[in-house]
Amino acid sequence: MKTAKIAVSLDKETVAEVDRLVKRGRFPSRSSLVQQALEEKLRKLGRSRLASECLKLDADFEQRLSEEGIVAEAKEWPEY
C-alpha cells in the first residue's frame, strides 16, 4: 500500500497516551497507531452512513417488495 506523510497536531495528553501504548508494545510506532485509529474511524463512519441511509427506506414498501419476490420464486421451486 502506498502511503503519504501528513502532519497532525495533537494535545500533549494524547501524545503521552500514544507513547505509552507504543512503549508497551501495543503498536510498533506512533504512525501505526494513528493510521489504525483513523482507518477504524473511517470504517465506522461508512457503516453509520449506511445505517442512516437505511433509515430513509419505507419499511412497509420494502417488506411488500421482498414478499413479491418470494411469491414469484416460490412457484418455480421444486416440490419436496
N, C-alpha and C. Protein backbone atom coordinates (compact mmCIF):
# COMPACT_ATOMS: atom_id res chain seq x y z
N MET A 1 0.84 -1.17 0.00
CA MET A 1 0.00 0.00 0.00
C MET A 1 0.89 1.24 0.00
N LYS A 2 0.59 2.16 -0.88
CA LYS A 2 1.33 3.42 -0.91
C LYS A 2 0.85 4.29 0.24
N THR A 3 1.78 5.02 0.81
CA THR A 3 1.43 5.90 1.91
C THR A 3 1.86 7.32 1.59
N ALA A 4 1.29 8.26 2.30
CA ALA A 4 1.65 9.68 2.18
C ALA A 4 1.83 10.22 3.58
N LYS A 5 2.77 11.09 3.74
CA LYS A 5 3.01 11.70 5.04
C LYS A 5 2.12 12.92 5.21
N ILE A 6 1.58 13.05 6.43
CA ILE A 6 0.80 14.23 6.79
C ILE A 6 1.25 14.68 8.17
N ALA A 7 1.01 15.92 8.48
CA ALA A 7 1.31 16.43 9.82
C ALA A 7 0.00 16.55 10.59
N VAL A 8 0.02 16.08 11.83
CA VAL A 8 -1.16 16.13 12.68
C VAL A 8 -0.76 16.75 14.01
N SER A 9 -1.58 17.67 14.48
CA SER A 9 -1.34 18.28 15.79
C SER A 9 -2.25 17.62 16.82
N LEU A 10 -1.66 17.17 17.91
CA LEU A 10 -2.41 16.52 18.99
C LEU A 10 -2.07 17.20 20.30
N ASP A 11 -3.01 17.15 21.25
CA ASP A 11 -2.69 17.72 22.55
C ASP A 11 -1.67 16.83 23.26
N LYS A 12 -0.97 17.39 24.20
CA LYS A 12 0.13 16.68 24.88
C LYS A 12 -0.33 15.42 25.58
N GLU A 13 -1.53 15.43 26.16
CA GLU A 13 -2.05 14.25 26.85
C GLU A 13 -2.26 13.09 25.87
N THR A 14 -2.77 13.41 24.70
CA THR A 14 -2.99 12.38 23.69
C THR A 14 -1.66 11.80 23.23
N VAL A 15 -0.69 12.64 23.00
CA VAL A 15 0.63 12.18 22.58
C VAL A 15 1.23 11.30 23.67
N ALA A 16 1.07 11.68 24.93
CA ALA A 16 1.60 10.87 26.03
C ALA A 16 0.94 9.50 26.05
N GLU A 17 -0.35 9.43 25.82
CA GLU A 17 -1.04 8.14 25.80
C GLU A 17 -0.58 7.30 24.61
N VAL A 18 -0.41 7.93 23.47
CA VAL A 18 0.11 7.24 22.28
C VAL A 18 1.49 6.66 22.60
N ASP A 19 2.34 7.46 23.20
CA ASP A 19 3.69 7.00 23.53
C ASP A 19 3.65 5.84 24.52
N ARG A 20 2.72 5.89 25.49
CA ARG A 20 2.60 4.77 26.46
C ARG A 20 2.21 3.48 25.74
N LEU A 21 1.27 3.58 24.81
CA LEU A 21 0.84 2.39 24.07
C LEU A 21 1.96 1.82 23.21
N VAL A 22 2.73 2.69 22.60
CA VAL A 22 3.87 2.24 21.78
C VAL A 22 4.92 1.60 22.68
N LYS A 23 5.19 2.23 23.83
CA LYS A 23 6.20 1.71 24.75
C LYS A 23 5.80 0.32 25.28
N ARG A 24 4.51 0.12 25.50
CA ARG A 24 4.02 -1.18 26.00
C ARG A 24 3.96 -2.24 24.89
N GLY A 25 4.25 -1.84 23.68
CA GLY A 25 4.26 -2.80 22.58
C GLY A 25 2.91 -3.03 21.93
N ARG A 26 1.92 -2.22 22.26
CA ARG A 26 0.59 -2.39 21.66
C ARG A 26 0.60 -1.99 20.19
N PHE A 27 1.49 -1.07 19.84
CA PHE A 27 1.66 -0.61 18.46
C PHE A 27 3.15 -0.47 18.19
N PRO A 28 3.58 -0.74 16.97
CA PRO A 28 5.01 -0.64 16.68
C PRO A 28 5.52 0.80 16.62
N SER A 29 4.61 1.76 16.37
CA SER A 29 5.04 3.15 16.25
C SER A 29 3.85 4.08 16.42
N ARG A 30 4.16 5.34 16.61
CA ARG A 30 3.10 6.35 16.66
C ARG A 30 2.32 6.35 15.35
N SER A 31 3.05 6.31 14.27
CA SER A 31 2.43 6.35 12.95
C SER A 31 1.44 5.20 12.76
N SER A 32 1.84 4.01 13.19
CA SER A 32 0.99 2.84 13.06
C SER A 32 -0.29 3.01 13.88
N LEU A 33 -0.17 3.51 15.09
CA LEU A 33 -1.34 3.72 15.94
C LEU A 33 -2.30 4.71 15.29
N VAL A 34 -1.78 5.84 14.84
CA VAL A 34 -2.63 6.86 14.22
C VAL A 34 -3.28 6.31 12.96
N GLN A 35 -2.53 5.59 12.15
CA GLN A 35 -3.07 5.03 10.92
C GLN A 35 -4.21 4.06 11.22
N GLN A 36 -4.00 3.15 12.16
CA GLN A 36 -5.04 2.18 12.51
C GLN A 36 -6.27 2.85 13.09
N ALA A 37 -6.06 3.84 13.96
CA ALA A 37 -7.18 4.55 14.57
C ALA A 37 -8.00 5.28 13.51
N LEU A 38 -7.33 5.92 12.58
CA LEU A 38 -8.03 6.66 11.53
C LEU A 38 -8.79 5.71 10.61
N GLU A 39 -8.18 4.60 10.24
CA GLU A 39 -8.86 3.62 9.39
C GLU A 39 -10.11 3.08 10.08
N GLU A 40 -10.00 2.78 11.38
CA GLU A 40 -11.15 2.28 12.13
C GLU A 40 -12.27 3.32 12.16
N LYS A 41 -11.92 4.57 12.40
CA LYS A 41 -12.92 5.64 12.43
C LYS A 41 -13.61 5.79 11.08
N LEU A 42 -12.84 5.72 10.01
CA LEU A 42 -13.43 5.84 8.68
C LEU A 42 -14.38 4.68 8.38
N ARG A 43 -14.01 3.46 8.81
CA ARG A 43 -14.92 2.32 8.63
C ARG A 43 -16.22 2.54 9.39
N LYS A 44 -16.11 3.02 10.62
CA LYS A 44 -17.32 3.27 11.43
C LYS A 44 -18.19 4.34 10.79
N LEU A 45 -17.58 5.38 10.27
CA LEU A 45 -18.36 6.42 9.59
C LEU A 45 -19.07 5.86 8.38
N GLY A 46 -18.40 4.97 7.66
CA GLY A 46 -19.03 4.34 6.49
C GLY A 46 -20.24 3.52 6.89
N ARG A 47 -20.12 2.78 8.00
CA ARG A 47 -21.25 1.98 8.47
C ARG A 47 -22.38 2.86 8.98
N SER A 48 -22.05 3.95 9.65
CA SER A 48 -23.10 4.82 10.16
C SER A 48 -23.83 5.51 9.01
N ARG A 49 -23.11 5.79 7.92
CA ARG A 49 -23.77 6.39 6.76
C ARG A 49 -24.75 5.39 6.15
N LEU A 50 -24.33 4.13 6.07
CA LEU A 50 -25.23 3.10 5.55
C LEU A 50 -26.47 2.99 6.42
N ALA A 51 -26.27 3.02 7.74
CA ALA A 51 -27.41 2.94 8.66
C ALA A 51 -28.34 4.11 8.48
N SER A 52 -27.79 5.31 8.33
CA SER A 52 -28.65 6.49 8.16
C SER A 52 -29.40 6.44 6.83
N GLU A 53 -28.77 5.90 5.80
CA GLU A 53 -29.46 5.75 4.51
C GLU A 53 -30.57 4.71 4.63
N CYS A 54 -30.33 3.65 5.39
CA CYS A 54 -31.35 2.62 5.57
C CYS A 54 -32.58 3.16 6.29
N LEU A 55 -32.37 4.13 7.18
CA LEU A 55 -33.50 4.74 7.88
C LEU A 55 -34.43 5.48 6.95
N LYS A 56 -33.94 5.85 5.78
CA LYS A 56 -34.76 6.57 4.81
C LYS A 56 -35.70 5.63 4.05
N LEU A 57 -35.45 4.33 4.16
CA LEU A 57 -36.27 3.37 3.43
C LEU A 57 -37.67 3.28 4.04
N ASP A 58 -38.64 2.99 3.21
CA ASP A 58 -40.00 2.76 3.67
C ASP A 58 -40.12 1.27 3.99
N ALA A 59 -40.20 0.95 5.27
CA ALA A 59 -40.18 -0.44 5.72
C ALA A 59 -41.33 -1.25 5.12
N ASP A 60 -42.54 -0.67 5.07
CA ASP A 60 -43.68 -1.40 4.50
C ASP A 60 -43.47 -1.70 3.03
N PHE A 61 -42.98 -0.71 2.29
CA PHE A 61 -42.72 -0.92 0.86
C PHE A 61 -41.67 -2.00 0.66
N GLU A 62 -40.59 -1.94 1.43
CA GLU A 62 -39.52 -2.94 1.30
C GLU A 62 -40.03 -4.34 1.63
N GLN A 63 -40.90 -4.44 2.64
CA GLN A 63 -41.47 -5.74 3.01
C GLN A 63 -42.32 -6.29 1.88
N ARG A 64 -43.19 -5.44 1.32
CA ARG A 64 -44.04 -5.89 0.20
C ARG A 64 -43.19 -6.31 -1.00
N LEU A 65 -42.15 -5.54 -1.27
CA LEU A 65 -41.26 -5.84 -2.39
C LEU A 65 -40.59 -7.19 -2.19
N SER A 66 -40.11 -7.45 -0.99
CA SER A 66 -39.43 -8.73 -0.74
C SER A 66 -40.42 -9.90 -0.83
N GLU A 67 -41.63 -9.68 -0.34
CA GLU A 67 -42.63 -10.75 -0.40
C GLU A 67 -43.05 -11.05 -1.82
N GLU A 68 -43.10 -10.03 -2.67
CA GLU A 68 -43.42 -10.26 -4.09
C GLU A 68 -42.38 -11.18 -4.71
N GLY A 69 -41.13 -10.94 -4.41
CA GLY A 69 -40.07 -11.77 -4.96
C GLY A 69 -40.16 -13.20 -4.48
N ILE A 70 -40.49 -13.38 -3.22
CA ILE A 70 -40.59 -14.73 -2.66
C ILE A 70 -41.75 -15.48 -3.28
N VAL A 71 -42.88 -14.83 -3.44
CA VAL A 71 -44.05 -15.49 -4.03
C VAL A 71 -43.74 -15.90 -5.46
N ALA A 72 -43.12 -15.01 -6.23
CA ALA A 72 -42.80 -15.33 -7.62
C ALA A 72 -41.80 -16.47 -7.70
N GLU A 73 -40.80 -16.46 -6.85
CA GLU A 73 -39.79 -17.51 -6.87
C GLU A 73 -40.34 -18.83 -6.35
N ALA A 74 -41.25 -18.77 -5.40
CA ALA A 74 -41.78 -19.99 -4.80
C ALA A 74 -42.49 -20.86 -5.83
N LYS A 75 -43.09 -20.24 -6.83
CA LYS A 75 -43.77 -21.00 -7.88
C LYS A 75 -42.78 -21.82 -8.71
N GLU A 76 -41.53 -21.39 -8.75
CA GLU A 76 -40.53 -22.07 -9.54
C GLU A 76 -39.77 -23.14 -8.72
N TRP A 77 -39.96 -23.17 -7.41
CA TRP A 77 -39.23 -24.13 -6.56
C TRP A 77 -39.81 -25.53 -6.73
N PRO A 78 -38.96 -26.53 -6.74
CA PRO A 78 -39.47 -27.90 -6.86
C PRO A 78 -40.15 -28.35 -5.56
N GLU A 79 -41.06 -29.28 -5.69
CA GLU A 79 -41.73 -29.85 -4.52
C GLU A 79 -40.77 -30.78 -3.78
N TYR A 80 -40.86 -30.81 -2.47
CA TYR A 80 -40.02 -31.71 -1.68
C TYR A 80 -40.85 -32.80 -1.07
